[in-house]
Amino acid sequence: MQTLTITIQNHALVEKVVWLLEHFKHDGVEIISRKETIKKTALDHEIDKRIQEYHSGVKTSPLHTGLNKMRNELMAKI
């Protein structure tokens, strides 16, 4: 299995590329929606932030602890 990430800035072109890829679904191509990609990117950002805080010795606030718990719950659902 291979993963391909494409960044397209032009909305009209995005629609054309998605339309084209839809024709390959029966061949095993899976399209991950932009919304899902954004969620994963935001989660990756939060993970990176937490790792940096841990390594720098910065103590996290209860808010960050709650956010981390929510992230773990979301990751378990994905």
C-alpha atoms as a PDB file:
ATOM      1  CA  MET A   1       0.000   0.000   0.000  1.00  0.00           C
ATOM      2  CA  GLN A   2       1.207   3.494  -0.784  1.00  0.00           C
ATOM      3  CA  THR A   3      -0.068   6.849   0.429  1.00  0.00           C
ATOM      4  CA  LEU A   4      -0.048   9.927  -1.771  1.00  0.00           C
ATOM      5  CA  THR A   5      -0.571  13.421  -0.404  1.00  0.00           C
ATOM      6  CA  ILE A   6      -1.466  16.152  -2.870  1.00  0.00           C
ATOM      7  CA  THR A   7      -1.736  19.845  -2.085  1.00  0.00           C
ATOM      8  CA  ILE A   8      -3.887  21.751  -4.571  1.00  0.00           C
ATOM      9  CA  GLN A   9      -4.686  25.414  -4.055  1.00  0.00           C
ATOM     10  CA  ASN A  10      -7.175  25.844  -6.892  1.00  0.00           C
ATOM     11  CA  HIS A  11     -10.644  24.634  -5.795  1.00  0.00           C
ATOM     12  CA  ALA A  12     -11.789  23.925  -9.354  1.00  0.00           C
ATOM     13  CA  LEU A  13      -8.749  21.752  -9.939  1.00  0.00           C
ATOM     14  CA  VAL A  14      -9.377  19.903  -6.660  1.00  0.00           C
ATOM     15  CA  GLU A  15     -12.835  18.954  -7.897  1.00  0.00           C
ATOM     16  CA  LYS A  16     -11.394  17.669 -11.186  1.00  0.00           C
ATOM     17  CA  VAL A  17      -8.718  15.583  -9.453  1.00  0.00           C
ATOM     18  CA  VAL A  18     -11.252  14.104  -7.034  1.00  0.00           C
ATOM     19  CA  TRP A  19     -13.561  13.319  -9.959  1.00  0.00           C
ATOM     20  CA  LEU A  20     -10.713  11.520 -11.710  1.00  0.00           C
ATOM     21  CA  LEU A  21      -9.690   9.546  -8.621  1.00  0.00           C
ATOM     22  CA  GLU A  22     -13.297   8.495  -7.984  1.00  0.00           C
ATOM     23  CA  HIS A  23     -13.029   6.398 -11.160  1.00  0.00           C
ATOM     24  CA  PHE A  24     -10.307   4.279  -9.532  1.00  0.00           C
ATOM     25  CA  LYS A  25     -12.244   3.360  -6.364  1.00  0.00           C
ATOM     26  CA  HIS A  26     -12.991  -0.131  -7.665  1.00  0.00           C
ATOM     27  CA  ASP A  27      -9.253  -0.616  -8.221  1.00  0.00           C
ATOM     28  CA  GLY A  28      -8.523   0.067  -4.551  1.00  0.00           C
ATOM     29  CA  VAL A  29      -7.998   3.823  -4.489  1.00  0.00           C
ATOM     30  CA  GLU A  30      -9.301   5.341  -1.255  1.00  0.00           C
ATOM     31  CA  ILE A  31      -9.979   9.062  -1.126  1.00  0.00           C
ATOM     32  CA  ILE A  32      -9.591  10.697   2.267  1.00  0.00           C
ATOM     33  CA  SER A  33     -11.644  13.852   2.518  1.00  0.00           C
ATOM     34  CA  ARG A  34     -10.037  17.213   3.150  1.00  0.00           C
ATOM     35  CA  LYS A  35     -11.882  17.457   6.433  1.00  0.00           C
ATOM     36  CA  GLU A  36     -10.321  14.254   7.722  1.00  0.00           C
ATOM     37  CA  THR A  37      -6.896  15.376   6.583  1.00  0.00           C
ATOM     38  CA  ILE A  38      -7.260  18.655   8.445  1.00  0.00           C
ATOM     39  CA  LYS A  39      -8.286  16.837  11.626  1.00  0.00           C
ATOM     40  CA  LYS A  40      -5.281  14.569  11.428  1.00  0.00           C
ATOM     41  CA  THR A  41      -2.988  17.506  10.775  1.00  0.00           C
ATOM     42  CA  ALA A  42      -4.372  19.354  13.795  1.00  0.00           C
ATOM     43  CA  LEU A  43      -3.864  16.255  15.934  1.00  0.00           C
ATOM     44  CA  ASP A  44      -0.315  15.897  14.658  1.00  0.00           C
ATOM     45  CA  HIS A  45       0.312  19.531  15.592  1.00  0.00           C
ATOM     46  CA  GLU A  46      -1.011  18.963  19.120  1.00  0.00           C
ATOM     47  CA  ILE A  47       1.181  15.883  19.521  1.00  0.00           C
ATOM     48  CA  ASP A  48       4.257  17.827  18.400  1.00  0.00           C
ATOM     49  CA  LYS A  49       3.432  20.640  20.801  1.00  0.00           C
ATOM     50  CA  ARG A  50       3.043  18.232  23.722  1.00  0.00           C
ATOM     51  CA  ILE A  51       6.358  16.545  22.903  1.00  0.00           C
ATOM     52  CA  GLN A  52       8.123  19.913  22.771  1.00  0.00           C
ATOM     53  CA  GLU A  53       6.594  20.920  26.114  1.00  0.00           C
ATOM     54  CA  TYR A  54       7.663  17.637  27.652  1.00  0.00           C
ATOM     55  CA  HIS A  55      11.245  17.965  26.453  1.00  0.00           C
ATOM     56  CA  SER A  56      11.500  21.620  27.472  1.00  0.00           C
ATOM     57  CA  GLY A  57      10.241  20.891  30.987  1.00  0.00           C
ATOM     58  CA  VAL A  58       7.219  23.177  30.637  1.00  0.00           C
ATOM     59  CA  LYS A  59       4.391  21.982  32.815  1.00  0.00           C
ATOM     60  CA  THR A  60       1.054  21.718  31.090  1.00  0.00           C
ATOM     61  CA  SER A  61      -2.071  23.362  32.378  1.00  0.00           C
ATOM     62  CA  PRO A  62      -5.279  21.447  33.178  1.00  0.00           C
ATOM     63  CA  LEU A  63      -6.629  22.741  29.852  1.00  0.00           C
ATOM     64  CA  HIS A  64      -3.792  21.070  27.966  1.00  0.00           C
ATOM     65  CA  THR A  65      -4.319  17.885  29.952  1.00  0.00           C
ATOM     66  CA  GLY A  66      -7.999  17.908  28.958  1.00  0.00           C
ATOM     67  CA  LEU A  67      -7.114  18.547  25.326  1.00  0.00           C
ATOM     68  CA  ASN A  68      -4.651  15.678  25.394  1.00  0.00           C
ATOM     69  CA  LYS A  69      -7.335  13.370  26.787  1.00  0.00           C
ATOM     70  CA  MET A  70      -9.736  14.457  24.027  1.00  0.00           C
ATOM     71  CA  ARG A  71      -7.006  13.862  21.412  1.00  0.00           C
ATOM     72  CA  ASN A  72      -6.435  10.348  22.700  1.00  0.00           C
ATOM     73  CA  GLU A  73     -10.159   9.626  22.542  1.00  0.00           C
ATOM     74  CA  LEU A  74     -10.361  10.960  18.973  1.00  0.00           C
ATOM     75  CA  MET A  75      -7.304   8.958  17.912  1.00  0.00           C
ATOM     76  CA  ALA A  76      -8.910   5.807  19.297  1.00  0.00           C
ATOM     77  CA  LYS A  77     -11.946   6.398  17.038  1.00  0.00           C
ATOM     78  CA  ILE A  78      -9.895   6.949  13.859  1.00  0.00           C
END
